[in-house]
Structure formats: structure tokens, C-alpha cells
Amino acid sequence: MAEQILDWWRDGVVDGYTIQPPTLPHDLRTFVREVIPLLRAAAALSAGYPESTVRQRFALPEPLPVG
């Protein structure tokens, strides 16, 4: 599964992922344990973001003060 996702990512077909594991929580745990590390190792998935808000992540301006 990881190889297929990586192929799509390398080909520019995808830039994100939505997963729907058939059985929870078992399949989700398996995906996290087995697939996520491979995606991170290939730099196809970030381990996190240094920004603390979506506004900061997308470099959006701070809202104007009210009043």
C-alpha cells in the first residue's frame, strides 16, 4: 500500500491522503504502524508542522482588532 501511495505522490497525482480503514481500530493501527513510517521516510508525509495555527502555516495576516 505504501508503495502505491508513494508512486502516486512521486508522479504528482496526489498531494494529500484520506484513509478509510475497513475496520476500526485494528486497520487504523496497522496503517499507522506500517504505512506512515514508510511515507515519512520517503518525505511524502510530514511528521508535524512547526506552526501552531493554520493562519501561521499559510502565512495569513493576523485579524484586525475589533472595536
PDB file of N, CA and C in Angstrom:
ATOM      1  N   MET A   1       0.816  -1.181   0.000  1.00  0.00           N
ATOM      2  CA  MET A   1       0.000   0.000   0.000  1.00  0.00           C
ATOM      3  C   MET A   1       0.870   1.259   0.000  1.00  0.00           C
ATOM      4  N   ALA A   2       1.907   1.271   0.814  1.00  0.00           N
ATOM      5  CA  ALA A   2       2.780   2.445   0.878  1.00  0.00           C
ATOM      6  C   ALA A   2       3.424   2.715  -0.475  1.00  0.00           C
ATOM      7  N   GLU A   3       3.847   1.672  -1.166  1.00  0.00           N
ATOM      8  CA  GLU A   3       4.486   1.858  -2.474  1.00  0.00           C
ATOM      9  C   GLU A   3       3.527   2.497  -3.467  1.00  0.00           C
ATOM     10  N   GLN A   4       2.265   2.076  -3.459  1.00  0.00           N
ATOM     11  CA  GLN A   4       1.281   2.659  -4.382  1.00  0.00           C
ATOM     12  C   GLN A   4       1.060   4.133  -4.061  1.00  0.00           C
ATOM     13  N   ILE A   5       0.923   4.455  -2.783  1.00  0.00           N
ATOM     14  CA  ILE A   5       0.747   5.850  -2.370  1.00  0.00           C
ATOM     15  C   ILE A   5       1.972   6.667  -2.777  1.00  0.00           C
ATOM     16  N   LEU A   6       3.165   6.121  -2.555  1.00  0.00           N
ATOM     17  CA  LEU A   6       4.391   6.830  -2.927  1.00  0.00           C
ATOM     18  C   LEU A   6       4.500   7.019  -4.439  1.00  0.00           C
ATOM     19  N   ASP A   7       4.100   6.025  -5.213  1.00  0.00           N
ATOM     20  CA  ASP A   7       4.116   6.172  -6.674  1.00  0.00           C
ATOM     21  C   ASP A   7       3.215   7.319  -7.107  1.00  0.00           C
ATOM     22  N   TRP A   8       2.005   7.378  -6.558  1.00  0.00           N
ATOM     23  CA  TRP A   8       1.081   8.470  -6.892  1.00  0.00           C
ATOM     24  C   TRP A   8       1.674   9.817  -6.494  1.00  0.00           C
ATOM     25  N   TRP A   9       2.283   9.872  -5.305  1.00  0.00           N
ATOM     26  CA  TRP A   9       2.864  11.121  -4.807  1.00  0.00           C
ATOM     27  C   TRP A   9       4.031  11.561  -5.693  1.00  0.00           C
ATOM     28  N   ARG A  10       4.914  10.631  -6.033  1.00  0.00           N
ATOM     29  CA  ARG A  10       6.069  10.958  -6.886  1.00  0.00           C
ATOM     30  C   ARG A  10       5.634  11.416  -8.277  1.00  0.00           C
ATOM     31  N   ASP A  11       4.536  10.838  -8.776  1.00  0.00           N
ATOM     32  CA  ASP A  11       4.024  11.212 -10.098  1.00  0.00           C
ATOM     33  C   ASP A  11       3.220  12.507 -10.073  1.00  0.00           C
ATOM     34  N   GLY A  12       3.023  13.074  -8.885  1.00  0.00           N
ATOM     35  CA  GLY A  12       2.265  14.313  -8.761  1.00  0.00           C
ATOM     36  C   GLY A  12       0.763  14.126  -8.849  1.00  0.00           C
ATOM     37  N   VAL A  13       0.304  12.901  -8.709  1.00  0.00           N
ATOM     38  CA  VAL A  13      -1.128  12.605  -8.799  1.00  0.00           C
ATOM     39  C   VAL A  13      -1.856  13.016  -7.524  1.00  0.00           C
ATOM     40  N   VAL A  14      -1.177  12.926  -6.393  1.00  0.00           N
ATOM     41  CA  VAL A  14      -1.786  13.284  -5.108  1.00  0.00           C
ATOM     42  C   VAL A  14      -0.867  14.229  -4.345  1.00  0.00           C
ATOM     43  N   ASP A  15      -1.477  15.034  -3.480  1.00  0.00           N
ATOM     44  CA  ASP A  15      -0.683  15.856  -2.572  1.00  0.00           C
ATOM     45  C   ASP A  15      -1.204  15.727  -1.145  1.00  0.00           C
ATOM     46  N   GLY A  16      -2.121  14.786  -0.959  1.00  0.00           N
ATOM     47  CA  GLY A  16      -2.660  14.514   0.367  1.00  0.00           C
ATOM     48  C   GLY A  16      -3.341  13.158   0.356  1.00  0.00           C
ATOM     49  N   TYR A  17      -3.774  12.738   1.521  1.00  0.00           N
ATOM     50  CA  TYR A  17      -4.351  11.401   1.652  1.00  0.00           C
ATOM     51  C   TYR A  17      -5.577  11.450   2.542  1.00  0.00           C
ATOM     52  N   THR A  18      -6.574  10.669   2.198  1.00  0.00           N
ATOM     53  CA  THR A  18      -7.720  10.416   3.057  1.00  0.00           C
ATOM     54  C   THR A  18      -7.838   8.907   3.155  1.00  0.00           C
ATOM     55  N   ILE A  19      -7.820   8.404   4.366  1.00  0.00           N
ATOM     56  CA  ILE A  19      -7.923   6.951   4.519  1.00  0.00           C
ATOM     57  C   ILE A  19      -9.251   6.603   5.174  1.00  0.00           C
ATOM     58  N   GLN A  20      -9.774   5.455   4.816  1.00  0.00           N
ATOM     59  CA  GLN A  20     -10.999   4.930   5.407  1.00  0.00           C
ATOM     60  C   GLN A  20     -10.772   3.455   5.710  1.00  0.00           C
ATOM     61  N   PRO A  21     -10.166   3.167   6.861  1.00  0.00           N
ATOM     62  CA  PRO A  21      -9.894   1.770   7.189  1.00  0.00           C
ATOM     63  C   PRO A  21     -11.190   0.974   7.339  1.00  0.00           C
ATOM     64  N   PRO A  22     -11.232  -0.230   6.773  1.00  0.00           N
ATOM     65  CA  PRO A  22     -12.451  -1.044   6.833  1.00  0.00           C
ATOM     66  C   PRO A  22     -12.897  -1.384   8.252  1.00  0.00           C
ATOM     67  N   THR A  23     -11.950  -1.682   9.117  1.00  0.00           N
ATOM     68  CA  THR A  23     -12.324  -1.999  10.498  1.00  0.00           C
ATOM     69  C   THR A  23     -11.511  -1.137  11.453  1.00  0.00           C
ATOM     70  N   LEU A  24     -12.233  -0.537  12.360  1.00  0.00           N
ATOM     71  CA  LEU A  24     -11.593   0.293  13.389  1.00  0.00           C
ATOM     72  C   LEU A  24     -11.643  -0.442  14.704  1.00  0.00           C
ATOM     73  N   PRO A  25     -10.689  -0.310  15.551  1.00  0.00           N
ATOM     74  CA  PRO A  25      -9.457   0.456  15.367  1.00  0.00           C
ATOM     75  C   PRO A  25      -8.322  -0.362  14.754  1.00  0.00           C
ATOM     76  N   HIS A  26      -8.537  -1.639  14.521  1.00  0.00           N
ATOM     77  CA  HIS A  26      -7.451  -2.524  14.077  1.00  0.00           C
ATOM     78  C   HIS A  26      -6.752  -2.031  12.815  1.00  0.00           C
ATOM     79  N   ASP A  27      -7.497  -1.782  11.741  1.00  0.00           N
ATOM     80  CA  ASP A  27      -6.864  -1.397  10.477  1.00  0.00           C
ATOM     81  C   ASP A  27      -6.197  -0.029  10.565  1.00  0.00           C
ATOM     82  N   LEU A  28      -6.756   0.860  11.357  1.00  0.00           N
ATOM     83  CA  LEU A  28      -6.123   2.162  11.541  1.00  0.00           C
ATOM     84  C   LEU A  28      -4.778   2.002  12.246  1.00  0.00           C
ATOM     85  N   ARG A  29      -4.736   1.189  13.277  1.00  0.00           N
ATOM     86  CA  ARG A  29      -3.468   0.937  13.981  1.00  0.00           C
ATOM     87  C   ARG A  29      -2.433   0.325  13.036  1.00  0.00           C
ATOM     88  N   THR A  30      -2.873  -0.619  12.224  1.00  0.00           N
ATOM     89  CA  THR A  30      -1.963  -1.257  11.270  1.00  0.00           C
ATOM     90  C   THR A  30      -1.422  -0.236  10.276  1.00  0.00           C
ATOM     91  N   PHE A  31      -2.289   0.615   9.758  1.00  0.00           N
ATOM     92  CA  PHE A  31      -1.870   1.652   8.815  1.00  0.00           C
ATOM     93  C   PHE A  31      -0.850   2.584   9.459  1.00  0.00           C
ATOM     94  N   VAL A  32      -1.133   3.030  10.662  1.00  0.00           N
ATOM     95  CA  VAL A  32      -0.227   3.944  11.368  1.00  0.00           C
ATOM     96  C   VAL A  32       1.107   3.264  11.664  1.00  0.00           C
ATOM     97  N   ARG A  33       1.066   2.026  12.057  1.00  0.00           N
ATOM     98  CA  ARG A  33       2.284   1.297  12.432  1.00  0.00           C
ATOM     99  C   ARG A  33       3.130   0.922  11.208  1.00  0.00           C
ATOM    100  N   GLU A  34       2.487   0.560  10.100  1.00  0.00           N
ATOM    101  CA  GLU A  34       3.229   0.006   8.968  1.00  0.00           C
ATOM    102  C   GLU A  34       3.389   0.943   7.772  1.00  0.00           C
ATOM    103  N   VAL A  35       2.413   1.789   7.516  1.00  0.00           N
ATOM    104  CA  VAL A  35       2.458   2.630   6.316  1.00  0.00           C
ATOM    105  C   VAL A  35       3.019   4.021   6.605  1.00  0.00           C
ATOM    106  N   ILE A  36       2.565   4.641   7.669  1.00  0.00           N
ATOM    107  CA  ILE A  36       3.001   6.005   7.997  1.00  0.00           C
ATOM    108  C   ILE A  36       4.525   6.116   8.079  1.00  0.00           C
ATOM    109  N   PRO A  37       5.231   5.210   8.758  1.00  0.00           N
ATOM    110  CA  PRO A  37       6.695   5.339   8.804  1.00  0.00           C
ATOM    111  C   PRO A  37       7.348   5.303   7.416  1.00  0.00           C
ATOM    112  N   LEU A  38       6.806   4.513   6.512  1.00  0.00           N
ATOM    113  CA  LEU A  38       7.360   4.445   5.156  1.00  0.00           C
ATOM    114  C   LEU A  38       7.125   5.746   4.398  1.00  0.00           C
ATOM    115  N   LEU A  39       5.948   6.347   4.572  1.00  0.00           N
ATOM    116  CA  LEU A  39       5.660   7.626   3.921  1.00  0.00           C
ATOM    117  C   LEU A  39       6.553   8.727   4.481  1.00  0.00           C
ATOM    118  N   ARG A  40       6.759   8.718   5.788  1.00  0.00           N
ATOM    119  CA  ARG A  40       7.643   9.725   6.407  1.00  0.00           C
ATOM    120  C   ARG A  40       9.086   9.534   5.960  1.00  0.00           C
ATOM    121  N   ALA A  41       9.540   8.299   5.883  1.00  0.00           N
ATOM    122  CA  ALA A  41      10.918   8.023   5.456  1.00  0.00           C
ATOM    123  C   ALA A  41      11.165   8.504   4.031  1.00  0.00           C
ATOM    124  N   ALA A  42      10.126   8.479   3.199  1.00  0.00           N
ATOM    125  CA  ALA A  42      10.247   8.930   1.812  1.00  0.00           C
ATOM    126  C   ALA A  42       9.968  10.427   1.673  1.00  0.00           C
ATOM    127  N   ALA A  43       9.750  11.113   2.799  1.00  0.00           N
ATOM    128  CA  ALA A  43       9.435  12.553   2.822  1.00  0.00           C
ATOM    129  C   ALA A  43       8.121  12.862   2.116  1.00  0.00           C
ATOM    130  N   ALA A  44       7.226  11.887   2.050  1.00  0.00           N
ATOM    131  CA  ALA A  44       5.915  12.098   1.449  1.00  0.00           C
ATOM    132  C   ALA A  44       4.880  12.501   2.487  1.00  0.00           C
ATOM    133  N   LEU A  45       5.266  12.477   3.745  1.00  0.00           N
ATOM    134  CA  LEU A  45       4.356  12.825   4.828  1.00  0.00           C
ATOM    135  C   LEU A  45       5.162  13.495   5.923  1.00  0.00           C
ATOM    136  N   SER A  46       4.702  14.651   6.332  1.00  0.00           N
ATOM    137  CA  SER A  46       5.397  15.396   7.383  1.00  0.00           C
ATOM    138  C   SER A  46       5.152  14.754   8.740  1.00  0.00           C
ATOM    139  N   ALA A  47       6.133  14.874   9.605  1.00  0.00           N
ATOM    140  CA  ALA A  47       5.980  14.384  10.982  1.00  0.00           C
ATOM    141  C   ALA A  47       5.257  15.412  11.841  1.00  0.00           C
ATOM    142  N   GLY A  48       5.018  16.574  11.297  1.00  0.00           N
ATOM    143  CA  GLY A  48       4.335  17.639  12.024  1.00  0.00           C
ATOM    144  C   GLY A  48       4.658  18.975  11.393  1.00  0.00           C
ATOM    145  N   TYR A  49       4.089  20.008  11.940  1.00  0.00           N
ATOM    146  CA  TYR A  49       4.298  21.345  11.424  1.00  0.00           C
ATOM    147  C   TYR A  49       4.741  22.250  12.561  1.00  0.00           C
ATOM    148  N   PRO A  50       5.749  23.098  12.325  1.00  0.00           N
ATOM    149  CA  PRO A  50       6.238  23.962  13.401  1.00  0.00           C
ATOM    150  C   PRO A  50       5.252  25.068  13.773  1.00  0.00           C
ATOM    151  N   GLU A  51       4.374  25.435  12.851  1.00  0.00           N
ATOM    152  CA  GLU A  51       3.410  26.488  13.129  1.00  0.00           C
ATOM    153  C   GLU A  51       2.344  25.973  14.084  1.00  0.00           C
ATOM    154  N   SER A  52       1.828  26.857  14.909  1.00  0.00           N
ATOM    155  CA  SER A  52       0.829  26.415  15.882  1.00  0.00           C
ATOM    156  C   SER A  52      -0.599  26.625  15.404  1.00  0.00           C
ATOM    157  N   THR A  53      -0.799  27.409  14.334  1.00  0.00           N
ATOM    158  CA  THR A  53      -2.149  27.632  13.826  1.00  0.00           C
ATOM    159  C   THR A  53      -2.159  27.495  12.305  1.00  0.00           C
ATOM    160  N   VAL A  54      -3.332  27.279  11.751  1.00  0.00           N
ATOM    161  CA  VAL A  54      -3.478  27.216  10.296  1.00  0.00           C
ATOM    162  C   VAL A  54      -3.115  28.572   9.698  1.00  0.00           C
ATOM    163  N   ARG A  55      -3.518  29.651  10.367  1.00  0.00           N
ATOM    164  CA  ARG A  55      -3.196  31.005   9.901  1.00  0.00           C
ATOM    165  C   ARG A  55      -1.676  31.166   9.739  1.00  0.00           C
ATOM    166  N   GLN A  56      -0.915  30.706  10.708  1.00  0.00           N
ATOM    167  CA  GLN A  56       0.545  30.792  10.623  1.00  0.00           C
ATOM    168  C   GLN A  56       1.091  29.871   9.535  1.00  0.00           C
ATOM    169  N   ARG A  57       0.529  28.692   9.427  1.00  0.00           N
ATOM    170  CA  ARG A  57       1.020  27.727   8.434  1.00  0.00           C
ATOM    171  C   ARG A  57       0.917  28.276   7.021  1.00  0.00           C
ATOM    172  N   PHE A  58      -0.178  28.993   6.731  1.00  0.00           N
ATOM    173  CA  PHE A  58      -0.380  29.536   5.392  1.00  0.00           C
ATOM    174  C   PHE A  58       0.031  31.000   5.286  1.00  0.00           C
ATOM    175  N   ALA A  59       0.727  31.499   6.310  1.00  0.00           N
ATOM    176  CA  ALA A  59       1.240  32.876   6.339  1.00  0.00           C
ATOM    177  C   ALA A  59       0.147  33.902   6.079  1.00  0.00           C
ATOM    178  N   LEU A  60      -1.015  33.679   6.683  1.00  0.00           N
ATOM    179  CA  LEU A  60      -2.122  34.624   6.549  1.00  0.00           C
ATOM    180  C   LEU A  60      -1.945  35.750   7.556  1.00  0.00           C
ATOM    181  N   PRO A  61      -2.425  36.947   7.217  1.00  0.00           N
ATOM    182  CA  PRO A  61      -2.278  38.059   8.156  1.00  0.00           C
ATOM    183  C   PRO A  61      -3.129  37.841   9.404  1.00  0.00           C
ATOM    184  N   GLU A  62      -2.691  38.441  10.489  1.00  0.00           N
ATOM    185  CA  GLU A  62      -3.465  38.376  11.727  1.00  0.00           C
ATOM    186  C   GLU A  62      -4.740  39.188  11.546  1.00  0.00           C
ATOM    187  N   PRO A  63      -5.833  38.780  12.185  1.00  0.00           N
ATOM    188  CA  PRO A  63      -7.077  39.539  12.037  1.00  0.00           C
ATOM    189  C   PRO A  63      -6.939  40.920  12.682  1.00  0.00           C
ATOM    190  N   LEU A  64      -7.686  41.867  12.140  1.00  0.00           N
ATOM    191  CA  LEU A  64      -7.694  43.217  12.704  1.00  0.00           C
ATOM    192  C   LEU A  64      -8.439  43.213  14.027  1.00  0.00           C
ATOM    193  N   PRO A  65      -8.018  44.053  14.966  1.00  0.00           N
ATOM    194  CA  PRO A  65      -8.730  44.116  16.247  1.00  0.00           C
ATOM    195  C   PRO A  65     -10.154  44.623  16.050  1.00  0.00           C
ATOM    196  N   VAL A  66     -11.051  44.108  16.835  1.00  0.00           N
ATOM    197  CA  VAL A  66     -12.454  44.520  16.766  1.00  0.00           C
ATOM    198  C   VAL A  66     -12.649  45.714  17.688  1.00  0.00           C
ATOM    199  N   GLY A  67     -13.398  46.708  17.212  1.00  0.00           N
ATOM    200  CA  GLY A  67     -13.781  47.818  18.080  1.00  0.00           C
ATOM    201  C   GLY A  67     -13.002  48.992  17.867  1.00  0.00           C
TER     202      GLY A  67
END
